[in-house]
Amino acid sequence: MTGPPAPGPRRMRRWQRWLLVVSLGVNLLILGIVAGAVLNRDGPMRAPRIDLSIGPFTRALPDEARRAVVDRMRAQGFLTRDGRDAMRADAEELLALIAAESFDPTAVDAVLERQRGRLAGFQNGAQEAFVHVLSGMSPQDRRAFAERLAQQMRHGPHDRD
């Protein structure tokens, strides 16, 4: 005697099939967003290049004022290719020093000190350009800026007009 026949593969219900398709679509969407963020370094998910170390202040500026700050910094020589190349070279040197078989803390300290000096100069230039642009604003524009800045400080970078 034989037992009852083994059940065959169950047929997938229509709603289960749609649920599987939707789930696959959501997973592919998430994968695409992550891959896009990694591969598209110049896209909208990239952090701003010019944060000026005073992020909420610059994000709260109107576009034309922010451009004026950047233009003033560029005119003062802070936004040059040579400066970016020097920071990149320092970063590469730092990586090599860290990965070296024998660690040289003095050499690492020297590279970090060079970077700190460059960044301090950049920040001083950003501050000077920022104050210069604010000085040229009307009282009404400064009040509007102060309101946007207060909003930036409360809610972060996504609340910019």
N, C-alpha and C. Protein backbone atom coordinates (compact mmCIF):
# COMPACT_ATOMS: atom_id res chain seq x y z
N MET A 1 0.81 -1.17 0.00
CA MET A 1 0.00 0.00 0.00
C MET A 1 0.86 1.25 0.00
N THR A 2 0.37 2.15 -0.68
CA THR A 2 1.09 3.41 -0.74
C THR A 2 0.28 4.46 -0.02
N GLY A 3 1.00 5.45 0.49
CA GLY A 3 0.35 6.54 1.22
C GLY A 3 -0.26 7.53 0.25
N PRO A 4 -0.79 8.59 0.81
CA PRO A 4 -1.38 9.61 -0.06
C PRO A 4 -0.31 10.20 -0.96
N PRO A 5 -0.67 10.65 -2.12
CA PRO A 5 0.33 11.20 -3.05
C PRO A 5 0.96 12.45 -2.44
N ALA A 6 2.25 12.60 -2.75
CA ALA A 6 2.98 13.77 -2.24
C ALA A 6 2.39 15.02 -2.89
N PRO A 7 2.19 16.04 -2.09
CA PRO A 7 1.61 17.26 -2.68
C PRO A 7 2.58 17.87 -3.68
N GLY A 8 2.07 18.34 -4.77
CA GLY A 8 2.88 19.00 -5.80
C GLY A 8 3.20 20.42 -5.35
N PRO A 9 4.00 21.10 -6.12
CA PRO A 9 4.32 22.47 -5.74
C PRO A 9 3.05 23.32 -5.74
N ARG A 10 2.94 24.11 -4.68
CA ARG A 10 1.76 24.98 -4.57
C ARG A 10 1.86 26.11 -5.56
N ARG A 11 0.77 26.40 -6.13
CA ARG A 11 0.73 27.51 -7.08
C ARG A 11 0.67 28.83 -6.30
N MET A 12 1.47 29.79 -6.73
CA MET A 12 1.52 31.09 -6.06
C MET A 12 0.25 31.87 -6.37
N ARG A 13 -0.31 32.42 -5.33
CA ARG A 13 -1.50 33.23 -5.53
C ARG A 13 -1.14 34.54 -6.20
N ARG A 14 -2.11 35.15 -6.82
CA ARG A 14 -1.88 36.39 -7.57
C ARG A 14 -1.34 37.49 -6.64
N TRP A 15 -1.89 37.67 -5.45
CA TRP A 15 -1.43 38.73 -4.54
C TRP A 15 -0.01 38.45 -4.06
N GLN A 16 0.34 37.17 -3.92
CA GLN A 16 1.70 36.83 -3.51
C GLN A 16 2.70 37.19 -4.62
N ARG A 17 2.30 36.96 -5.85
CA ARG A 17 3.17 37.31 -6.98
C ARG A 17 3.39 38.81 -7.03
N TRP A 18 2.32 39.60 -6.87
CA TRP A 18 2.46 41.06 -6.89
C TRP A 18 3.31 41.54 -5.71
N LEU A 19 3.11 40.94 -4.54
CA LEU A 19 3.92 41.31 -3.38
C LEU A 19 5.40 41.03 -3.64
N LEU A 20 5.71 39.92 -4.27
CA LEU A 20 7.08 39.59 -4.61
C LEU A 20 7.66 40.59 -5.61
N VAL A 21 6.89 40.98 -6.61
CA VAL A 21 7.35 41.94 -7.61
C VAL A 21 7.60 43.30 -6.95
N VAL A 22 6.67 43.75 -6.11
CA VAL A 22 6.84 45.03 -5.42
C VAL A 22 8.07 45.00 -4.50
N SER A 23 8.23 43.91 -3.76
CA SER A 23 9.37 43.77 -2.87
C SER A 23 10.69 43.81 -3.65
N LEU A 24 10.73 43.10 -4.77
CA LEU A 24 11.92 43.11 -5.61
C LEU A 24 12.18 44.52 -6.13
N GLY A 25 11.14 45.22 -6.55
CA GLY A 25 11.28 46.59 -7.05
C GLY A 25 11.83 47.53 -5.99
N VAL A 26 11.33 47.43 -4.78
CA VAL A 26 11.82 48.27 -3.68
C VAL A 26 13.28 47.97 -3.39
N ASN A 27 13.63 46.69 -3.36
CA ASN A 27 15.02 46.32 -3.12
C ASN A 27 15.95 46.86 -4.21
N LEU A 28 15.52 46.77 -5.46
CA LEU A 28 16.32 47.30 -6.57
C LEU A 28 16.43 48.82 -6.49
N LEU A 29 15.36 49.48 -6.08
CA LEU A 29 15.39 50.93 -5.92
C LEU A 29 16.42 51.34 -4.86
N ILE A 30 16.39 50.66 -3.72
CA ILE A 30 17.35 50.95 -2.65
C ILE A 30 18.76 50.68 -3.12
N LEU A 31 18.97 49.55 -3.80
CA LEU A 31 20.29 49.22 -4.32
C LEU A 31 20.76 50.30 -5.31
N GLY A 32 19.84 50.77 -6.17
CA GLY A 32 20.19 51.81 -7.14
C GLY A 32 20.56 53.12 -6.47
N ILE A 33 19.86 53.49 -5.42
CA ILE A 33 20.17 54.73 -4.69
C ILE A 33 21.55 54.63 -4.06
N VAL A 34 21.82 53.51 -3.41
CA VAL A 34 23.13 53.33 -2.77
C VAL A 34 24.24 53.31 -3.82
N ALA A 35 24.05 52.57 -4.89
CA ALA A 35 25.07 52.51 -5.94
C ALA A 35 25.26 53.87 -6.58
N GLY A 36 24.17 54.60 -6.81
CA GLY A 36 24.27 55.93 -7.39
C GLY A 36 25.04 56.89 -6.50
N ALA A 37 24.81 56.79 -5.19
CA ALA A 37 25.52 57.66 -4.26
C ALA A 37 27.01 57.36 -4.27
N VAL A 38 27.35 56.09 -4.39
CA VAL A 38 28.76 55.71 -4.40
C VAL A 38 29.43 56.08 -5.72
N LEU A 39 28.75 55.81 -6.82
CA LEU A 39 29.36 56.00 -8.13
C LEU A 39 29.29 57.44 -8.64
N ASN A 40 28.27 58.19 -8.26
CA ASN A 40 28.09 59.53 -8.79
C ASN A 40 28.55 60.56 -7.77
N ARG A 41 29.83 60.78 -7.72
CA ARG A 41 30.39 61.67 -6.71
C ARG A 41 30.03 63.14 -6.94
N ASP A 42 29.59 63.51 -8.13
CA ASP A 42 29.23 64.90 -8.40
C ASP A 42 27.73 65.12 -8.36
N GLY A 43 26.98 64.12 -7.93
CA GLY A 43 25.53 64.21 -7.97
C GLY A 43 24.96 64.93 -6.77
N PRO A 44 23.63 64.94 -6.68
CA PRO A 44 22.96 65.69 -5.64
C PRO A 44 23.18 65.15 -4.24
N MET A 45 23.63 63.90 -4.09
CA MET A 45 23.82 63.35 -2.76
C MET A 45 25.19 63.71 -2.19
N ARG A 46 26.01 64.34 -2.98
CA ARG A 46 27.34 64.71 -2.52
C ARG A 46 27.25 65.92 -1.60
N ALA A 47 28.06 65.90 -0.57
CA ALA A 47 28.11 67.06 0.33
C ALA A 47 28.65 68.26 -0.42
N PRO A 48 28.25 69.46 -0.03
CA PRO A 48 28.76 70.64 -0.71
C PRO A 48 30.27 70.72 -0.64
N ARG A 49 30.89 71.17 -1.74
CA ARG A 49 32.35 71.30 -1.77
C ARG A 49 32.82 72.42 -0.87
N ILE A 50 32.09 73.51 -0.85
CA ILE A 50 32.51 74.68 -0.10
C ILE A 50 31.60 74.81 1.11
N ASP A 51 32.01 74.27 2.23
CA ASP A 51 31.23 74.38 3.44
C ASP A 51 31.72 75.55 4.28
N LEU A 52 32.95 75.99 4.04
CA LEU A 52 33.56 77.13 4.71
C LEU A 52 33.65 76.95 6.22
N SER A 53 33.47 75.74 6.70
CA SER A 53 33.55 75.41 8.12
C SER A 53 32.53 76.15 8.95
N ILE A 54 31.63 76.81 8.31
CA ILE A 54 30.54 77.50 9.00
C ILE A 54 29.25 77.17 8.26
N GLY A 55 29.02 75.87 8.07
CA GLY A 55 27.95 75.35 7.22
C GLY A 55 26.61 76.03 7.33
N PRO A 56 25.99 76.11 8.50
CA PRO A 56 24.66 76.73 8.57
C PRO A 56 24.68 78.18 8.07
N PHE A 57 25.77 78.88 8.30
CA PHE A 57 25.87 80.27 7.86
C PHE A 57 25.83 80.36 6.34
N THR A 58 26.60 79.53 5.68
CA THR A 58 26.65 79.61 4.22
C THR A 58 25.38 79.05 3.60
N ARG A 59 24.79 78.01 4.19
CA ARG A 59 23.54 77.47 3.65
C ARG A 59 22.41 78.48 3.77
N ALA A 60 22.44 79.32 4.79
CA ALA A 60 21.37 80.30 5.00
C ALA A 60 21.52 81.53 4.10
N LEU A 61 22.69 81.70 3.50
CA LEU A 61 22.88 82.85 2.60
C LEU A 61 22.07 82.66 1.33
N PRO A 62 21.56 83.74 0.76
CA PRO A 62 20.95 83.62 -0.57
C PRO A 62 22.02 83.22 -1.58
N ASP A 63 21.61 82.63 -2.68
CA ASP A 63 22.56 82.13 -3.68
C ASP A 63 23.55 83.19 -4.13
N GLU A 64 23.09 84.40 -4.39
CA GLU A 64 24.00 85.45 -4.88
C GLU A 64 25.02 85.84 -3.82
N ALA A 65 24.64 85.83 -2.55
CA ALA A 65 25.59 86.16 -1.47
C ALA A 65 26.60 85.03 -1.32
N ARG A 66 26.14 83.79 -1.44
CA ARG A 66 27.07 82.66 -1.33
C ARG A 66 28.09 82.70 -2.47
N ARG A 67 27.60 83.04 -3.67
CA ARG A 67 28.53 83.18 -4.81
C ARG A 67 29.53 84.30 -4.55
N ALA A 68 29.08 85.38 -3.91
CA ALA A 68 29.99 86.50 -3.61
C ALA A 68 31.07 86.06 -2.62
N VAL A 69 30.71 85.24 -1.65
CA VAL A 69 31.71 84.72 -0.70
C VAL A 69 32.73 83.88 -1.44
N VAL A 70 32.25 82.97 -2.28
CA VAL A 70 33.15 82.09 -3.04
C VAL A 70 34.03 82.91 -3.98
N ASP A 71 33.43 83.89 -4.66
CA ASP A 71 34.21 84.74 -5.57
C ASP A 71 35.30 85.50 -4.82
N ARG A 72 34.96 86.02 -3.65
CA ARG A 72 35.96 86.75 -2.86
C ARG A 72 37.08 85.82 -2.40
N MET A 73 36.73 84.63 -2.00
CA MET A 73 37.77 83.67 -1.58
C MET A 73 38.64 83.27 -2.76
N ARG A 74 38.01 83.09 -3.92
CA ARG A 74 38.78 82.74 -5.11
C ARG A 74 39.74 83.89 -5.46
N ALA A 75 39.26 85.13 -5.37
CA ALA A 75 40.11 86.29 -5.68
C ALA A 75 41.28 86.40 -4.70
N GLN A 76 41.08 85.93 -3.48
CA GLN A 76 42.15 85.98 -2.47
C GLN A 76 43.07 84.76 -2.56
N GLY A 77 42.80 83.87 -3.49
CA GLY A 77 43.69 82.74 -3.72
C GLY A 77 43.42 81.52 -2.85
N PHE A 78 42.26 81.47 -2.20
CA PHE A 78 41.98 80.33 -1.32
C PHE A 78 41.42 79.13 -2.05
N LEU A 79 40.86 79.31 -3.22
CA LEU A 79 40.21 78.21 -3.93
C LEU A 79 40.97 77.87 -5.20
N THR A 80 42.24 77.58 -5.07
CA THR A 80 43.07 77.29 -6.23
C THR A 80 43.26 75.79 -6.40
N ARG A 81 43.57 75.41 -7.61
CA ARG A 81 43.88 74.00 -7.89
C ARG A 81 45.13 73.58 -7.10
N ASP A 82 46.10 74.49 -6.99
CA ASP A 82 47.32 74.16 -6.24
C ASP A 82 46.99 73.81 -4.79
N GLY A 83 46.07 74.57 -4.19
CA GLY A 83 45.67 74.27 -2.81
C GLY A 83 45.02 72.91 -2.68
N ARG A 84 44.12 72.60 -3.62
CA ARG A 84 43.47 71.28 -3.60
C ARG A 84 44.49 70.17 -3.85
N ASP A 85 45.41 70.41 -4.78
CA ASP A 85 46.44 69.41 -5.07
C ASP A 85 47.33 69.18 -3.86
N ALA A 86 47.66 70.25 -3.15
CA ALA A 86 48.51 70.12 -1.95
C ALA A 86 47.79 69.33 -0.86
N MET A 87 46.48 69.59 -0.67
CA MET A 87 45.72 68.84 0.33
C MET A 87 45.63 67.36 -0.07
N ARG A 88 45.44 67.10 -1.35
CA ARG A 88 45.37 65.71 -1.83
C ARG A 88 46.72 65.01 -1.63
N ALA A 89 47.81 65.72 -1.94
CA ALA A 89 49.15 65.13 -1.77
C ALA A 89 49.41 64.84 -0.29
N ASP A 90 48.99 65.76 0.58
CA ASP A 90 49.15 65.52 2.02
C ASP A 90 48.35 64.30 2.45
N ALA A 91 47.13 64.18 1.95
CA ALA A 91 46.30 63.03 2.32
C ALA A 91 46.95 61.72 1.87
N GLU A 92 47.48 61.72 0.65
CA GLU A 92 48.15 60.51 0.15
C GLU A 92 49.40 60.20 0.97
N GLU A 93 50.15 61.25 1.31
CA GLU A 93 51.34 61.03 2.15
C GLU A 93 50.94 60.49 3.52
N LEU A 94 49.87 61.03 4.08
CA LEU A 94 49.41 60.57 5.38
C LEU A 94 49.00 59.10 5.33
N LEU A 95 48.29 58.72 4.28
CA LEU A 95 47.90 57.31 4.13
C LEU A 95 49.12 56.40 4.04
N ALA A 96 50.12 56.84 3.27
CA ALA A 96 51.34 56.04 3.14
C ALA A 96 52.06 55.93 4.49
N LEU A 97 52.12 57.01 5.23
CA LEU A 97 52.79 56.99 6.53
C LEU A 97 52.06 56.07 7.51
N ILE A 98 50.75 56.10 7.47
CA ILE A 98 49.97 55.26 8.38
C ILE A 98 50.12 53.79 8.03
N ALA A 99 50.16 53.47 6.73
CA ALA A 99 50.25 52.08 6.29
C ALA A 99 51.68 51.54 6.30
N ALA A 100 52.68 52.38 6.53
CA ALA A 100 54.09 51.95 6.48
C ALA A 100 54.36 50.89 7.55
N GLU A 101 55.33 50.05 7.25
CA GLU A 101 55.73 48.99 8.19
C GLU A 101 56.17 49.58 9.53
N SER A 102 57.02 50.60 9.47
CA SER A 102 57.43 51.25 10.72
C SER A 102 56.74 52.61 10.78
N PHE A 103 56.06 52.87 11.89
CA PHE A 103 55.28 54.09 12.05
C PHE A 103 56.17 55.22 12.53
N ASP A 104 56.08 56.38 11.85
CA ASP A 104 56.87 57.56 12.21
C ASP A 104 55.92 58.66 12.69
N PRO A 105 55.68 58.75 14.00
CA PRO A 105 54.73 59.74 14.51
C PRO A 105 55.14 61.18 14.20
N THR A 106 56.42 61.46 14.11
CA THR A 106 56.88 62.81 13.81
C THR A 106 56.48 63.21 12.40
N ALA A 107 56.63 62.30 11.45
CA ALA A 107 56.25 62.59 10.07
C ALA A 107 54.74 62.77 9.94
N VAL A 108 53.97 61.94 10.62
CA VAL A 108 52.51 62.06 10.60
C VAL A 108 52.11 63.40 11.19
N ASP A 109 52.72 63.77 12.30
CA ASP A 109 52.43 65.05 12.93
C ASP A 109 52.75 66.22 12.00
N ALA A 110 53.84 66.12 11.25
CA ALA A 110 54.22 67.20 10.32
C ALA A 110 53.17 67.36 9.22
N VAL A 111 52.68 66.25 8.67
CA VAL A 111 51.66 66.32 7.62
C VAL A 111 50.38 66.92 8.19
N LEU A 112 49.95 66.46 9.36
CA LEU A 112 48.74 66.99 9.97
C LEU A 112 48.88 68.48 10.29
N GLU A 113 50.06 68.89 10.70
CA GLU A 113 50.31 70.31 10.99
C GLU A 113 50.21 71.15 9.71
N ARG A 114 50.73 70.65 8.60
CA ARG A 114 50.60 71.37 7.32
C ARG A 114 49.14 71.52 6.95
N GLN A 115 48.39 70.43 7.09
CA GLN A 115 46.96 70.48 6.75
C GLN A 115 46.22 71.45 7.67
N ARG A 116 46.54 71.42 8.94
CA ARG A 116 45.89 72.32 9.89
C ARG A 116 46.16 73.77 9.53
N GLY A 117 47.39 74.08 9.14
CA GLY A 117 47.74 75.45 8.74
C GLY A 117 46.95 75.89 7.52
N ARG A 118 46.85 75.01 6.52
CA ARG A 118 46.07 75.34 5.32
C ARG A 118 44.60 75.56 5.66
N LEU A 119 44.05 74.65 6.47
CA LEU A 119 42.64 74.77 6.83
C LEU A 119 42.37 76.02 7.66
N ALA A 120 43.29 76.38 8.55
CA ALA A 120 43.12 77.60 9.34
C ALA A 120 43.13 78.83 8.43
N GLY A 121 44.03 78.85 7.47
CA GLY A 121 44.05 79.96 6.52
C GLY A 121 42.77 80.03 5.71
N PHE A 122 42.29 78.88 5.29
CA PHE A 122 41.05 78.81 4.53
C PHE A 122 39.88 79.31 5.37
N GLN A 123 39.82 78.86 6.61
CA GLN A 123 38.72 79.27 7.49
C GLN A 123 38.79 80.78 7.77
N ASN A 124 39.97 81.31 7.97
CA ASN A 124 40.11 82.76 8.18
C ASN A 124 39.65 83.53 6.95
N GLY A 125 40.02 83.03 5.76
CA GLY A 125 39.57 83.67 4.52
C GLY A 125 38.07 83.59 4.36
N ALA A 126 37.48 82.45 4.72
CA ALA A 126 36.03 82.28 4.63
C ALA A 126 35.33 83.24 5.58
N GLN A 127 35.86 83.36 6.77
CA GLN A 127 35.26 84.27 7.75
C GLN A 127 35.32 85.71 7.26
N GLU A 128 36.46 86.12 6.74
CA GLU A 128 36.62 87.49 6.24
C GLU A 128 35.66 87.75 5.08
N ALA A 129 35.56 86.80 4.14
CA ALA A 129 34.67 86.97 2.99
C ALA A 129 33.21 87.00 3.44
N PHE A 130 32.86 86.16 4.40
CA PHE A 130 31.50 86.11 4.93
C PHE A 130 31.12 87.45 5.57
N VAL A 131 31.98 87.99 6.42
CA VAL A 131 31.70 89.27 7.08
C VAL A 131 31.62 90.39 6.03
N HIS A 132 32.49 90.34 5.02
CA HIS A 132 32.46 91.34 3.97
C HIS A 132 31.11 91.32 3.24
N VAL A 133 30.62 90.13 2.91
CA VAL A 133 29.33 90.02 2.21
C VAL A 133 28.20 90.50 3.12
N LEU A 134 28.22 90.13 4.40
CA LEU A 134 27.19 90.60 5.33
C LEU A 134 27.21 92.12 5.44
N SER A 135 28.39 92.72 5.41
CA SER A 135 28.52 94.18 5.52
C SER A 135 27.84 94.88 4.36
N GLY A 136 27.77 94.24 3.22
CA GLY A 136 27.15 94.84 2.05
C GLY A 136 25.64 94.63 1.96
N MET A 137 25.08 93.89 2.90
CA MET A 137 23.64 93.62 2.88
C MET A 137 22.86 94.76 3.53
N SER A 138 21.64 94.94 3.08
CA SER A 138 20.75 95.91 3.72
C SER A 138 20.28 95.33 5.05
N PRO A 139 19.78 96.17 5.94
CA PRO A 139 19.26 95.65 7.22
C PRO A 139 18.15 94.60 7.01
N GLN A 140 17.30 94.82 6.01
CA GLN A 140 16.23 93.86 5.74
C GLN A 140 16.81 92.52 5.28
N ASP A 141 17.83 92.56 4.42
CA ASP A 141 18.45 91.32 3.96
C ASP A 141 19.14 90.60 5.11
N ARG A 142 19.77 91.35 5.99
CA ARG A 142 20.44 90.72 7.15
C ARG A 142 19.40 90.08 8.08
N ARG A 143 18.25 90.74 8.27
CA ARG A 143 17.19 90.15 9.11
C ARG A 143 16.67 88.86 8.48
N ALA A 144 16.46 88.89 7.16
CA ALA A 144 16.00 87.67 6.48
C ALA A 144 17.04 86.57 6.61
N PHE A 145 18.31 86.95 6.47
CA PHE A 145 19.39 85.97 6.64
C PHE A 145 19.36 85.40 8.06
N ALA A 146 19.19 86.28 9.06
CA ALA A 146 19.16 85.82 10.46
C ALA A 146 18.02 84.83 10.68
N GLU A 147 16.88 85.06 10.04
CA GLU A 147 15.76 84.13 10.18
C GLU A 147 16.08 82.78 9.54
N ARG A 148 16.68 82.81 8.34
CA ARG A 148 17.08 81.55 7.70
C ARG A 148 18.14 80.83 8.51
N LEU A 149 19.07 81.59 9.08
CA LEU A 149 20.13 81.00 9.90
C LEU A 149 19.54 80.33 11.14
N ALA A 150 18.59 81.00 11.78
CA ALA A 150 17.94 80.40 12.96
C ALA A 150 17.25 79.11 12.57
N GLN A 151 16.61 79.09 11.41
CA GLN A 151 15.95 77.87 10.93
C GLN A 151 16.99 76.79 10.65
N GLN A 152 18.11 77.15 10.02
CA GLN A 152 19.19 76.18 9.75
C GLN A 152 19.69 75.57 11.04
N MET A 153 19.87 76.40 12.04
CA MET A 153 20.42 75.91 13.31
C MET A 153 19.43 75.02 14.04
N ARG A 154 18.14 75.25 13.84
CA ARG A 154 17.12 74.41 14.48
C ARG A 154 16.90 73.11 13.73
N HIS A 155 16.88 73.18 12.39
CA HIS A 155 16.40 72.03 11.61
C HIS A 155 17.44 71.40 10.69
N GLY A 156 18.58 71.98 10.51
CA GLY A 156 19.60 71.38 9.68
C GLY A 156 19.54 71.81 8.23
N PRO A 157 20.37 71.18 7.39
CA PRO A 157 20.60 71.65 6.03
C PRO A 157 19.44 71.47 5.06
N HIS A 158 18.42 70.68 5.39
CA HIS A 158 17.39 70.41 4.39
C HIS A 158 16.26 71.43 4.38
N ASP A 159 16.34 72.42 5.26
CA ASP A 159 15.27 73.42 5.32
C ASP A 159 15.61 74.71 4.60
N ARG A 160 16.60 74.70 3.72
CA ARG A 160 17.02 75.90 3.02
C ARG A 160 16.01 76.24 1.94
N ASP A 161 15.68 77.51 1.82
CA ASP A 161 14.75 77.98 0.78
C ASP A 161 15.40 77.92 -0.57
